[in-house]
Amino acid sequence: MKIGVVNFLNAFPLYYGLDKITKPVIYLPDSEQLEDFDSSEKPDNEITLIKAIPSELSKKMQQHQLDIALVSSIEYYRNKEKWNYVPSLCIASDGAVDSIRLFLNENIQNIKNIGANKPQEYSSSVTMEIFNQITTTNDIVIIYYDEATRSSLAMLQILLLQLYTNVEMSELFQFKEIQRPFDARVNNLKPNELLLLIGDEALRHKQKPSIDLGQLYSTTFNRSMIYALWTYPKDNPAADYSFLQQAYHYSLNNWDAMLDSAVETFGFDLAYTKNYLQNSIHYNLDEKRTADLDFYFSQYERL
């Protein structure tokens, strides 16, 4: 079985236990190796774990190169006629998420009222005040993103549509895909430029002026945000994916060991890793979050 996962800290508790339960795991750190990998001679109970960015995992799913993958909720929705999702697990936030951030020029007024420094003061009105400073210039606002953030771009567009109800988006914003690395750009954004980062890249720059989109989504809609789902093809309905729940339960039951491994793998300190995985990220797709997921899909239809 070939399983695709995002190589981000927030996904680690979902797959850390895969090689600790009954199924042996082969790791392919580079998804490009998948095309040259022949799993036909491997035992049926063996897992090949492929790590890649979200958009790459979606592409591999569409090409039938993966049996199941942790893909963005929007990518699932775009392919809902062909894919199902495991109804018990997800990657979600009920407020600030830390790892999906919109970075701004550091000279924007009131920037200290948002983001990592004072999340308790976070509100749609404060964010709107900041956006208004950016959009009142004569220059159109450029929002940079890369292939890893394509799915999160939909979340941002939904928020902008809600904040600017009577304005044509194309009159204010231009979305421009760029290539990594981002260090130089995040440190040199012009007043009319924004940069969307996700995952560990966003976490590493979180002290820079930025808007936490998880917090903004929560305060705007009073809803949880569901970012990713375990997704599999509908033409394989009989497959048993209960081992994914077992793997997550292994992480829960061995939380300290999982945290130590996460620190070693991703390089964030233990205190931050523990707080992030315990308080910012949630993994149970319960009835409320399922309803919030359906709400998110309904908002996407407005784009």
Foldseek 3Di string as FASTA:
>chain_A
DEEEEEPFLLCLLLCVQVCVDDEHEAEDAAQVCLVVDDCPPPDPRHYYYYYDFQLVVLVCQVVVSGQKYWHWLVSCVVVVVWKDFDQWWFKWFLAFQQFKKKAADQPQPPLCQAFDNPPVSDALVSVLVSVCQQQVDPDAAEEEEESSCPVVVLLVVLLVCLSCVPDDNVVHYDYDYDDDDCPVVSNDPDRRYMYIGGGPSSNVCRVGRIHRSQNHVCNSPVAMGTTITTMGTPVPVVDDPVVSVVSSVVCVVVVVVSLVVSCVSSVDDSVVSVCSNPHGIDITNDPRNVVRSVVSVVSSVVD
